[in-house]
Amino acid sequence: MSDAPARPAEAGRSAPVRPGAVVAVLALAGITVSLMQTLVIPIVPELPKYLNASPSNAAWAVTATLLAAAVATPVAGRIGDMFGKRLMLLISLVMLVAGSVVCALSDALVPMIVGRTLQGLASAVVPLGISIMRDELPPEKLAGSTALMSASLGVGGALGLPAAAFLADHFDWHVLFWTSAALGAVAFALVMLLVPESEVRSGGRFDAVGSAGLAVGLVSLLLAVSKGADWGWASGTTLGLLALAVVVLGAWGFFELRTSQPLVDLRTTARRQVLFTNLASIAFGFSMFAMSLVLPQLLQLPTQTGYGLGRSMLTVGLVMAPQGLVMMGFAPVSAAITKARGPKVTLMIGAVIVAAGYGLNIVLMSQVWHLVLVSCVIGAGVGFAYGAMPALIMGAVPPSETAAANSLNTLMRSIGTSVASAVAGVILAQMTISLGGHALPSENGFKVVMALGAGAAVLAFVLASFLPRHRPTAPAPEPTPAEASAEAVA
């Protein structure tokens, strides 16, 4: 196979691809899917009442999406590589619309969990979109377009929070999900009209055993991490799930190395550029989510604490919204640095900016504008990093593995956010003050979480330093089996 995937003109298509339209539609699809991450945040405190369920059971409306996304992302990426990335993108958007409609019609716990699970199955849209860009866009447009697509994860989350808070305050809560369904339908129609199907496919046989093993291992791991605080970190359930995850994922890795058409090519994943990019992604996922846990609580805690700002959820959304715009605004800057100096440098710059943002947060947290500034600085750093990661991944894997590799990288970020949620939850539950008979997170507790966020960004910087020096971001050639094995050993 040649170093570059076949372009539409090369494949004999009658209509040329319109790069601007493709990028705009794919970015819209990414923003739409990322909205589901913040969609329920404004109504989480009221979900037990809305669904006639206990708080612990109602929390499954959030957990179900996390688990479904973890399983669906690598599987959808692999199927997209095999049978068509646009096809899997459309199927993912159908899952989003179907899940949103189920939630919009729900007044009970079980259908809500079903709907949120379907929404989670749409999480592969961003890595699939990045992979379509690699196949369809001219090389000179690829870096900026993939940076924008990667930033859409943060843009949708940041802009979705104030919008969801406004809708929840002024309308019936079901409107949130009808809105999500409408946006998903629009994205589906635009993809059908304007995004071509890639001619780059690997074909082959789908690894059903590997998919099942990865699903069991990931669900066990993320369930223990996300529910450990509720169940007790030393409880039999938590420890049993962690043990199951270790055993299943170990057996899964053994199987994947010995099957001819694995779900995840672990030899490719073991390449230095892919391995250290994925490890840095876990650290960045932790660092980014730490801010999402700290800033909303600081804004909403009562002023009687001496450090809380006593603001509404709508204000929280408005404070966080500029972060998404900054991420989008810095996407072309990230692309320009990647073209000039390579994605390794871009990733390291992003890590430094994020660490500096958390340092600011430790000393500036007493005014609303302090938190706006901090969220924008951290957003700029995340924009740099998220723009560099797809370039690093695509510079090290062949075109036939692009969607699977990008999906695995997205999964690594999700694991980082899950670990951040668990660690921050433990810290804030242990470091408390008493106000009116209620235990609330202390100011020092927030500072510890922010320090950990800075530390995670520094760790990402160190991991990025082990990446190979500047190398072109053009598609990597297909390796021979002997080359892949030799590189994995090296």
Protein backbone atom coordinates (compact mmCIF):
# COMPACT_ATOMS: atom_id res chain seq x y z
CA MET A 1 0.00 0.00 0.00
CA SER A 2 1.25 3.52 -0.72
CA ASP A 3 2.13 5.95 2.04
CA ALA A 4 -1.02 7.99 1.47
CA PRO A 5 -4.61 6.80 1.26
CA ALA A 6 -6.42 7.13 -2.01
CA ARG A 7 -8.00 10.52 -2.47
CA PRO A 8 -11.53 10.80 -3.86
CA ALA A 9 -10.27 11.91 -7.26
CA GLU A 10 -7.88 8.99 -7.36
CA ALA A 11 -10.73 6.61 -6.60
CA GLY A 12 -12.67 7.83 -9.63
CA ARG A 13 -15.38 9.80 -7.90
CA SER A 14 -17.30 12.20 -10.10
CA ALA A 15 -17.79 14.89 -7.45
CA PRO A 16 -14.76 16.38 -5.69
CA VAL A 17 -14.65 16.54 -1.92
CA ARG A 18 -15.27 19.98 -0.43
CA PRO A 19 -12.78 20.10 2.46
CA GLY A 20 -14.39 23.09 4.20
CA ALA A 21 -17.81 21.43 4.23
CA VAL A 22 -16.40 18.10 5.40
CA VAL A 23 -14.52 19.73 8.29
CA ALA A 24 -17.51 21.83 9.35
CA VAL A 25 -19.91 18.88 9.32
CA LEU A 26 -17.57 16.55 11.17
CA ALA A 27 -16.81 19.22 13.79
CA LEU A 28 -20.55 19.78 14.27
CA ALA A 29 -21.03 16.04 14.75
CA GLY A 30 -18.23 16.01 17.33
CA ILE A 31 -19.71 18.95 19.23
CA THR A 32 -23.16 17.33 19.16
CA VAL A 33 -21.88 14.06 20.64
CA SER A 34 -19.78 15.82 23.29
CA LEU A 35 -22.90 17.66 24.47
CA MET A 36 -24.18 14.45 26.03
CA GLN A 37 -21.33 14.58 28.57
CA THR A 38 -22.72 17.76 30.15
CA LEU A 39 -26.37 17.36 29.20
CA VAL A 40 -27.52 15.88 32.50
CA ILE A 41 -25.22 17.83 34.86
CA PRO A 42 -27.80 20.56 35.65
CA ILE A 43 -30.48 17.99 36.50
CA VAL A 44 -28.34 15.42 38.39
CA PRO A 45 -29.54 16.65 41.83
CA GLU A 46 -33.16 16.33 40.68
CA LEU A 47 -32.90 13.00 38.87
CA PRO A 48 -33.99 10.91 41.88
CA LYS A 49 -37.22 12.92 42.03
CA TYR A 50 -37.76 12.89 38.28
CA LEU A 51 -37.20 9.13 38.00
CA ASN A 52 -38.67 8.08 41.35
CA ALA A 53 -35.38 6.42 42.28
CA SER A 54 -32.78 6.59 45.03
CA PRO A 55 -29.76 8.88 44.47
CA SER A 56 -27.41 5.90 44.12
CA ASN A 57 -29.63 4.28 41.49
CA ALA A 58 -30.21 7.56 39.64
CA ALA A 59 -26.44 7.96 39.34
CA TRP A 60 -26.49 5.07 36.87
CA ALA A 61 -27.86 7.53 34.31
CA VAL A 62 -24.36 9.01 34.27
CA THR A 63 -22.36 5.82 34.82
CA ALA A 64 -24.14 3.95 32.00
CA THR A 65 -22.94 6.50 29.44
CA LEU A 66 -19.34 6.23 30.67
CA LEU A 67 -19.33 2.43 30.44
CA ALA A 68 -21.01 2.31 27.04
CA ALA A 69 -18.58 4.87 25.62
CA ALA A 70 -15.56 2.95 26.89
CA VAL A 71 -16.73 -0.24 25.17
CA ALA A 72 -18.07 1.32 21.96
CA THR A 73 -15.17 3.62 21.09
CA PRO A 74 -12.46 1.04 20.26
CA VAL A 75 -14.97 -1.39 18.74
CA ALA A 76 -16.54 1.24 16.45
CA GLY A 77 -13.10 2.43 15.41
CA ARG A 78 -12.02 -1.05 14.38
CA ILE A 79 -15.25 -1.74 12.49
CA GLY A 80 -14.86 1.63 10.76
CA ASP A 81 -11.37 0.67 9.57
CA MET A 82 -12.69 -2.63 8.28
CA PHE A 83 -15.99 -1.73 6.63
CA GLY A 84 -16.29 2.05 6.35
CA LYS A 85 -15.67 4.98 8.68
CA ARG A 86 -18.58 7.05 7.40
CA LEU A 87 -20.90 4.07 7.86
CA MET A 88 -19.87 3.74 11.51
CA LEU A 89 -20.15 7.49 11.97
CA LEU A 90 -23.75 7.39 10.75
CA ILE A 91 -24.55 4.39 12.95
CA SER A 92 -23.10 6.26 15.94
CA LEU A 93 -25.29 9.29 15.23
CA VAL A 94 -28.33 7.00 14.95
CA MET A 95 -27.47 5.65 18.41
CA LEU A 96 -27.30 9.23 19.73
CA VAL A 97 -30.68 10.16 18.28
CA ALA A 98 -32.31 6.92 19.45
CA GLY A 99 -30.90 7.30 22.95
CA SER A 100 -32.00 10.92 23.16
CA VAL A 101 -35.55 10.04 22.11
CA VAL A 102 -35.73 7.21 24.67
CA CYS A 103 -34.55 9.61 27.41
CA ALA A 104 -36.99 12.30 26.25
CA LEU A 105 -39.87 9.83 26.63
CA SER A 106 -38.67 8.49 29.99
CA ASP A 107 -40.09 9.08 33.43
CA ALA A 108 -38.54 6.00 35.06
CA LEU A 109 -35.05 4.78 35.81
CA VAL A 110 -34.73 1.78 33.48
CA PRO A 111 -35.62 3.52 30.20
CA MET A 112 -33.41 6.46 31.20
CA ILE A 113 -30.45 4.10 31.68
CA VAL A 114 -31.21 2.44 28.33
CA GLY A 115 -31.32 5.82 26.61
CA ARG A 116 -28.11 7.03 28.23
CA THR A 117 -26.40 3.77 27.25
CA LEU A 118 -27.40 4.32 23.63
CA GLN A 119 -26.03 7.85 23.82
CA GLY A 120 -22.74 6.47 25.12
CA LEU A 121 -22.51 4.18 22.08
CA ALA A 122 -22.10 7.32 19.94
CA SER A 123 -18.80 8.32 21.55
CA ALA A 124 -16.64 7.16 18.64
CA VAL A 125 -17.78 10.06 16.44
CA VAL A 126 -14.69 12.21 17.11
CA PRO A 127 -12.01 9.56 16.37
CA LEU A 128 -14.00 8.39 13.35
CA GLY A 129 -14.23 11.99 12.12
CA ILE A 130 -10.47 12.49 12.52
CA SER A 131 -9.86 9.29 10.58
CA ILE A 132 -12.16 10.38 7.75
CA MET A 133 -10.22 13.64 7.56
CA ARG A 134 -6.97 11.72 7.15
CA ASP A 135 -8.44 9.82 4.21
CA GLU A 136 -10.24 12.68 2.47
CA LEU A 137 -8.45 15.99 3.08
CA PRO A 138 -5.37 17.30 1.29
CA PRO A 139 -2.23 17.09 3.47
CA GLU A 140 -1.90 20.85 3.90
CA LYS A 141 -5.33 21.03 5.57
CA LEU A 142 -5.04 17.95 7.73
CA ALA A 143 -3.25 19.31 10.82
CA GLY A 144 -5.60 22.24 11.36
CA SER A 145 -8.72 20.20 10.64
CA THR A 146 -7.84 17.36 13.01
CA ALA A 147 -6.92 19.88 15.72
CA LEU A 148 -10.36 21.47 15.33
CA MET A 149 -12.09 18.09 15.37
CA SER A 150 -10.21 17.03 18.47
CA ALA A 151 -11.08 20.32 20.19
CA SER A 152 -14.78 19.71 19.49
CA LEU A 153 -14.82 17.40 22.53
CA GLY A 154 -14.12 20.33 24.82
CA VAL A 155 -16.18 22.82 22.83
CA GLY A 156 -19.35 20.77 23.06
CA GLY A 157 -18.86 20.08 26.74
CA ALA A 158 -18.15 23.71 27.62
CA LEU A 159 -20.93 25.26 25.55
CA GLY A 160 -23.39 22.54 26.46
CA LEU A 161 -23.31 23.28 30.18
CA PRO A 162 -24.79 26.82 30.08
CA ALA A 163 -27.25 25.80 27.37
CA ALA A 164 -28.40 22.78 29.38
CA ALA A 165 -28.63 24.87 32.56
CA PHE A 166 -30.78 27.46 30.77
CA LEU A 167 -33.11 24.82 29.31
CA ALA A 168 -33.40 23.01 32.66
CA ASP A 169 -34.27 26.28 34.44
CA HIS A 170 -36.91 27.44 31.96
CA PHE A 171 -38.42 24.29 30.44
CA ASP A 172 -39.40 20.74 31.29
CA TRP A 173 -36.27 18.60 31.71
CA HIS A 174 -37.28 16.36 28.80
CA VAL A 175 -36.53 19.28 26.44
CA LEU A 176 -32.83 18.65 27.05
CA PHE A 177 -33.07 15.31 25.32
CA TRP A 178 -35.39 16.46 22.54
CA THR A 179 -32.79 19.12 21.76
CA SER A 180 -30.05 16.49 21.69
CA ALA A 181 -32.14 14.34 19.35
CA ALA A 182 -32.73 17.27 16.98
CA LEU A 183 -29.03 18.16 16.85
CA GLY A 184 -28.14 14.52 16.22
CA ALA A 185 -30.65 14.32 13.37
CA VAL A 186 -29.21 17.46 11.78
CA ALA A 187 -25.68 16.08 12.06
CA PHE A 188 -26.81 12.77 10.53
CA ALA A 189 -28.41 14.52 7.55
CA LEU A 190 -25.37 16.71 6.92
CA VAL A 191 -23.00 13.73 7.07
CA MET A 192 -25.20 11.89 4.57
CA LEU A 193 -25.13 14.86 2.20
CA LEU A 194 -21.59 16.19 2.47
CA VAL A 195 -19.19 13.57 3.87
CA PRO A 196 -17.94 10.90 1.43
CA GLU A 197 -17.21 7.32 2.39
CA SER A 198 -13.51 6.58 2.57
CA GLU A 199 -12.03 4.14 0.10
CA VAL A 200 -9.41 3.10 2.67
CA ARG A 201 -10.59 -0.12 4.32
CA SER A 202 -8.77 -3.08 5.75
CA GLY A 203 -11.54 -5.66 5.42
CA GLY A 204 -11.05 -8.96 7.19
CA ARG A 205 -12.84 -10.76 10.01
CA PHE A 206 -14.11 -8.93 13.08
CA ASP A 207 -12.54 -10.03 16.36
CA ALA A 208 -15.67 -10.85 18.39
CA VAL A 209 -13.75 -12.65 21.14
CA GLY A 210 -11.36 -9.73 21.56
CA SER A 211 -14.28 -7.29 21.66
CA ALA A 212 -16.04 -9.27 24.37
CA GLY A 213 -12.86 -9.55 26.43
CA LEU A 214 -12.10 -5.84 26.15
CA ALA A 215 -15.70 -4.99 27.07
CA VAL A 216 -15.64 -7.14 30.22
CA GLY A 217 -12.24 -5.83 31.27
CA LEU A 218 -13.05 -2.15 30.71
CA VAL A 219 -16.47 -2.32 32.33
CA SER A 220 -14.99 -4.03 35.39
CA LEU A 221 -12.20 -1.47 35.68
CA LEU A 222 -14.30 1.65 35.12
CA LEU A 223 -17.15 0.40 37.28
CA ALA A 224 -14.75 -0.14 40.19
CA VAL A 225 -13.13 3.27 39.66
CA SER A 226 -16.38 5.21 39.25
CA LYS A 227 -18.34 3.45 42.02
CA GLY A 228 -15.51 2.72 44.46
CA ALA A 229 -16.26 5.77 46.60
CA ASP A 230 -19.92 4.71 46.98
CA TRP A 231 -19.22 1.03 47.59
CA GLY A 232 -16.04 1.51 49.62
CA TRP A 233 -12.56 1.11 48.16
CA ALA A 234 -11.89 -1.90 50.36
CA SER A 235 -15.27 -3.54 49.73
CA GLY A 236 -15.47 -6.98 48.20
CA THR A 237 -17.34 -5.65 45.18
CA THR A 238 -14.75 -3.01 44.33
CA LEU A 239 -11.74 -5.27 44.90
CA GLY A 240 -13.43 -8.13 43.03
CA LEU A 241 -14.08 -5.93 40.00
CA LEU A 242 -10.50 -4.66 40.00
CA ALA A 243 -9.18 -8.21 40.22
CA LEU A 244 -11.50 -9.30 37.41
CA ALA A 245 -10.27 -6.39 35.26
CA VAL A 246 -6.63 -7.37 35.78
CA VAL A 247 -7.26 -11.03 34.94
CA VAL A 248 -9.52 -10.39 31.94
CA LEU A 249 -7.37 -7.63 30.41
CA GLY A 250 -4.26 -9.77 30.87
CA ALA A 251 -5.90 -12.70 29.12
CA TRP A 252 -7.24 -10.34 26.45
CA GLY A 253 -3.76 -9.02 25.71
CA PHE A 254 -2.40 -12.58 25.47
CA PHE A 255 -5.18 -13.47 23.00
CA GLU A 256 -4.78 -10.29 20.91
CA LEU A 257 -1.07 -10.95 20.39
CA ARG A 258 -1.84 -14.40 19.00
CA THR A 259 -4.81 -13.74 16.74
CA SER A 260 -4.24 -12.88 13.09
CA GLN A 261 -6.81 -10.03 12.92
CA PRO A 262 -6.98 -8.50 16.43
CA LEU A 263 -9.39 -5.83 17.59
CA VAL A 264 -6.38 -3.82 18.80
CA ASP A 265 -2.99 -4.38 17.20
CA LEU A 266 -0.89 -4.37 20.35
CA ARG A 267 2.33 -4.46 18.36
CA THR A 268 1.41 -1.18 16.73
CA THR A 269 0.28 0.18 20.11
CA ALA A 270 3.69 -0.73 21.57
CA ARG A 271 5.52 1.56 19.14
CA ARG A 272 7.18 4.35 21.10
CA GLN A 273 5.25 7.18 19.42
CA VAL A 274 1.86 5.51 19.95
CA LEU A 275 2.63 4.20 23.45
CA PHE A 276 3.86 7.48 24.92
CA THR A 277 1.11 9.48 23.21
CA ASN A 278 -1.49 7.23 24.81
CA LEU A 279 0.19 7.44 28.22
CA ALA A 280 0.30 11.24 27.93
CA SER A 281 -3.39 11.16 26.96
CA ILE A 282 -4.26 9.45 30.24
CA ALA A 283 -2.38 12.17 32.14
CA PHE A 284 -4.08 14.92 30.14
CA GLY A 285 -7.49 13.35 30.66
CA PHE A 286 -6.84 13.43 34.41
CA SER A 287 -5.60 17.02 34.29
CA MET A 288 -8.46 18.36 32.19
CA PHE A 289 -11.18 16.73 34.27
CA ALA A 290 -9.73 17.87 37.59
CA MET A 291 -10.65 21.43 36.61
CA SER A 292 -14.18 20.34 35.66
CA LEU A 293 -14.60 18.94 39.18
CA VAL A 294 -13.13 21.90 41.09
CA LEU A 295 -14.41 25.04 39.38
CA PRO A 296 -18.16 24.25 39.45
CA GLN A 297 -18.01 23.40 43.17
CA LEU A 298 -16.08 26.57 44.03
CA LEU A 299 -18.66 28.62 42.16
CA GLN A 300 -21.66 26.96 43.80
CA LEU A 301 -20.54 26.55 47.41
CA PRO A 302 -22.12 29.10 49.77
CA THR A 303 -20.23 32.30 50.50
CA GLN A 304 -20.36 31.47 54.23
CA THR A 305 -17.51 29.02 53.65
CA GLY A 306 -15.18 31.94 52.99
CA TYR A 307 -14.10 30.61 49.59
CA GLY A 308 -17.34 29.57 47.87
CA LEU A 309 -18.90 32.10 45.50
CA GLY A 310 -22.58 31.12 45.89
CA ARG A 311 -23.43 31.18 42.19
CA SER A 312 -26.07 29.32 40.17
CA MET A 313 -25.56 26.44 37.76
CA LEU A 314 -26.23 28.82 34.87
CA THR A 315 -23.35 31.01 36.06
CA VAL A 316 -21.17 27.91 36.26
CA GLY A 317 -21.95 27.20 32.64
CA LEU A 318 -21.20 30.75 31.57
CA VAL A 319 -17.86 30.68 33.40
CA MET A 320 -16.88 27.40 31.76
CA ALA A 321 -18.13 28.29 28.26
CA PRO A 322 -15.15 30.48 27.24
CA GLN A 323 -12.88 27.49 27.74
CA GLY A 324 -14.47 25.74 24.77
CA LEU A 325 -14.15 28.81 22.58
CA VAL A 326 -10.48 29.15 23.55
CA MET A 327 -9.87 25.50 22.67
CA MET A 328 -11.38 26.07 19.24
CA GLY A 329 -9.50 29.34 18.78
CA PHE A 330 -6.15 27.75 19.55
CA ALA A 331 -6.69 24.81 17.17
CA PRO A 332 -5.08 26.63 14.20
CA VAL A 333 -2.21 27.81 16.44
CA SER A 334 -1.65 24.22 17.52
CA ALA A 335 -1.67 23.13 13.86
CA ALA A 336 0.84 25.84 12.88
CA ILE A 337 3.29 24.79 15.59
CA THR A 338 2.83 21.14 14.64
CA LYS A 339 3.69 21.93 11.01
CA ALA A 340 6.74 23.99 12.01
CA ARG A 341 8.18 22.04 14.92
CA GLY A 342 6.30 18.76 15.06
CA PRO A 343 3.44 17.48 17.26
CA LYS A 344 5.80 16.51 20.07
CA VAL A 345 6.65 20.17 20.69
CA THR A 346 2.97 21.13 20.50
CA LEU A 347 2.05 18.50 23.08
CA MET A 348 4.79 19.66 25.46
CA ILE A 349 3.72 23.30 25.11
CA GLY A 350 0.16 22.29 25.96
CA ALA A 351 1.35 20.48 29.08
CA VAL A 352 3.26 23.54 30.30
CA ILE A 353 0.24 25.81 29.76
CA VAL A 354 -2.11 23.46 31.62
CA ALA A 355 0.31 23.18 34.56
CA ALA A 356 0.59 26.99 34.65
CA GLY A 357 -3.21 27.27 34.65
CA TYR A 358 -3.50 25.09 37.73
CA GLY A 359 -0.75 27.09 39.40
CA LEU A 360 -2.82 30.22 38.79
CA ASN A 361 -5.88 28.49 40.19
CA ILE A 362 -4.15 27.76 43.48
CA VAL A 363 -3.55 31.49 44.07
CA LEU A 364 -6.51 32.95 42.13
CA MET A 365 -9.83 31.44 43.25
CA SER A 366 -11.68 34.19 45.13
CA GLN A 367 -13.45 35.97 42.25
CA VAL A 368 -15.53 34.83 39.30
CA TRP A 369 -13.09 36.41 36.84
CA HIS A 370 -10.26 34.43 38.45
CA LEU A 371 -12.00 31.21 37.50
CA VAL A 372 -12.81 32.45 33.99
CA LEU A 373 -9.12 33.24 33.50
CA VAL A 374 -8.03 29.86 34.85
CA SER A 375 -10.49 27.93 32.68
CA CYS A 376 -9.32 29.83 29.59
CA VAL A 377 -5.63 29.20 30.30
CA ILE A 378 -6.22 25.50 30.91
CA GLY A 379 -8.47 25.37 27.84
CA ALA A 380 -5.68 26.83 25.71
CA GLY A 381 -3.27 24.16 26.94
CA VAL A 382 -5.76 21.37 26.34
CA GLY A 383 -6.42 22.77 22.86
CA PHE A 384 -2.71 22.51 22.05
CA ALA A 385 -2.48 18.97 23.41
CA TYR A 386 -5.66 17.61 21.87
CA GLY A 387 -4.62 19.02 18.51
CA ALA A 388 -1.23 17.29 18.69
CA MET A 389 -2.41 13.85 19.77
CA PRO A 390 -4.14 12.82 16.50
CA ALA A 391 -1.10 14.02 14.53
CA LEU A 392 1.17 11.87 16.68
CA ILE A 393 -1.07 8.83 16.35
CA MET A 394 -1.60 9.17 12.60
CA GLY A 395 2.12 9.71 12.04
CA ALA A 396 2.82 6.29 13.50
CA VAL A 397 0.05 4.00 12.20
CA PRO A 398 -0.91 2.89 8.69
CA PRO A 399 -4.10 4.28 7.07
CA SER A 400 -5.92 0.98 7.54
CA GLU A 401 -5.62 1.29 11.35
CA THR A 402 -6.35 5.01 11.72
CA ALA A 403 -9.83 4.82 13.24
CA ALA A 404 -8.90 2.03 15.66
CA ALA A 405 -5.76 3.87 16.81
CA ASN A 406 -7.56 7.20 17.26
CA SER A 407 -10.38 5.46 19.11
CA LEU A 408 -7.94 3.82 21.49
CA ASN A 409 -6.34 7.21 22.13
CA THR A 410 -9.77 8.67 22.93
CA LEU A 411 -10.36 5.77 25.32
CA MET A 412 -7.09 6.57 27.11
CA ARG A 413 -8.31 10.11 27.76
CA SER A 414 -11.57 8.71 29.14
CA ILE A 415 -9.69 6.46 31.53
CA GLY A 416 -7.77 9.52 32.73
CA THR A 417 -10.99 11.42 33.41
CA SER A 418 -12.45 8.46 35.30
CA VAL A 419 -9.37 8.20 37.51
CA ALA A 420 -9.49 11.98 38.12
CA SER A 421 -13.11 11.75 39.22
CA ALA A 422 -12.33 8.94 41.65
CA VAL A 423 -9.19 10.54 43.12
CA ALA A 424 -10.75 13.98 43.46
CA GLY A 425 -13.84 12.45 45.04
CA VAL A 426 -11.77 10.73 47.70
CA ILE A 427 -9.75 13.88 48.48
CA LEU A 428 -12.76 16.19 48.68
CA ALA A 429 -14.65 13.67 50.83
CA GLN A 430 -11.76 13.46 53.29
CA MET A 431 -10.74 17.13 53.46
CA THR A 432 -13.90 18.86 54.67
CA ILE A 433 -15.28 21.61 56.86
CA SER A 434 -18.58 21.66 58.74
CA LEU A 435 -21.18 24.30 57.84
CA GLY A 436 -24.67 24.16 59.28
CA GLY A 437 -24.19 20.53 60.21
CA HIS A 438 -23.14 19.59 56.67
CA ALA A 439 -19.68 18.45 55.60
CA LEU A 440 -18.39 20.47 52.65
CA PRO A 441 -15.08 20.20 50.74
CA SER A 442 -12.43 22.45 52.27
CA GLU A 443 -10.40 25.09 50.49
CA ASN A 444 -7.24 23.04 51.04
CA GLY A 445 -8.98 20.03 49.53
CA PHE A 446 -9.58 21.97 46.32
CA LYS A 447 -5.97 23.16 46.31
CA VAL A 448 -4.73 19.58 46.63
CA VAL A 449 -6.86 18.53 43.64
CA MET A 450 -5.53 21.49 41.64
CA ALA A 451 -1.98 20.55 42.58
CA LEU A 452 -2.65 17.01 41.34
CA GLY A 453 -4.00 18.48 38.08
CA ALA A 454 -0.77 20.43 37.67
CA GLY A 455 1.23 17.31 38.51
CA ALA A 456 -0.64 15.29 35.89
CA ALA A 457 0.20 17.97 33.29
CA VAL A 458 3.87 17.82 34.30
CA LEU A 459 3.73 14.03 33.97
CA ALA A 460 2.29 14.46 30.47
CA PHE A 461 5.22 16.77 29.66
CA VAL A 462 7.73 14.17 30.86
CA LEU A 463 6.02 11.40 28.89
CA ALA A 464 5.96 13.59 25.77
CA SER A 465 9.70 14.12 26.10
CA PHE A 466 10.19 10.42 25.31
CA LEU A 467 8.43 10.77 21.95
CA PRO A 468 10.62 10.68 18.83
CA ARG A 469 11.94 14.03 17.65
CA HIS A 470 10.23 15.95 14.86
CA ARG A 471 8.91 13.70 12.14
CA PRO A 472 6.42 14.28 9.33
CA THR A 473 2.75 13.90 10.18
CA ALA A 474 1.98 12.28 6.81
CA PRO A 475 0.34 8.86 6.92
CA ALA A 476 2.64 6.06 7.97
CA PRO A 477 3.16 3.23 5.50
CA GLU A 478 1.70 -0.17 6.08
CA PRO A 479 4.37 -2.22 7.91
CA THR A 480 5.15 -5.79 7.07
CA PRO A 481 4.53 -8.29 9.87
CA ALA A 482 8.29 -8.63 10.37
CA GLU A 483 8.73 -4.85 10.66
CA ALA A 484 5.84 -4.56 13.13
CA SER A 485 7.29 -7.30 15.32
CA ALA A 486 10.77 -5.82 15.22
CA GLU A 487 9.54 -2.34 16.11
CA ALA A 488 7.46 -3.67 19.01
CA VAL A 489 10.51 -5.44 20.41
CA ALA A 490 12.64 -2.33 20.00
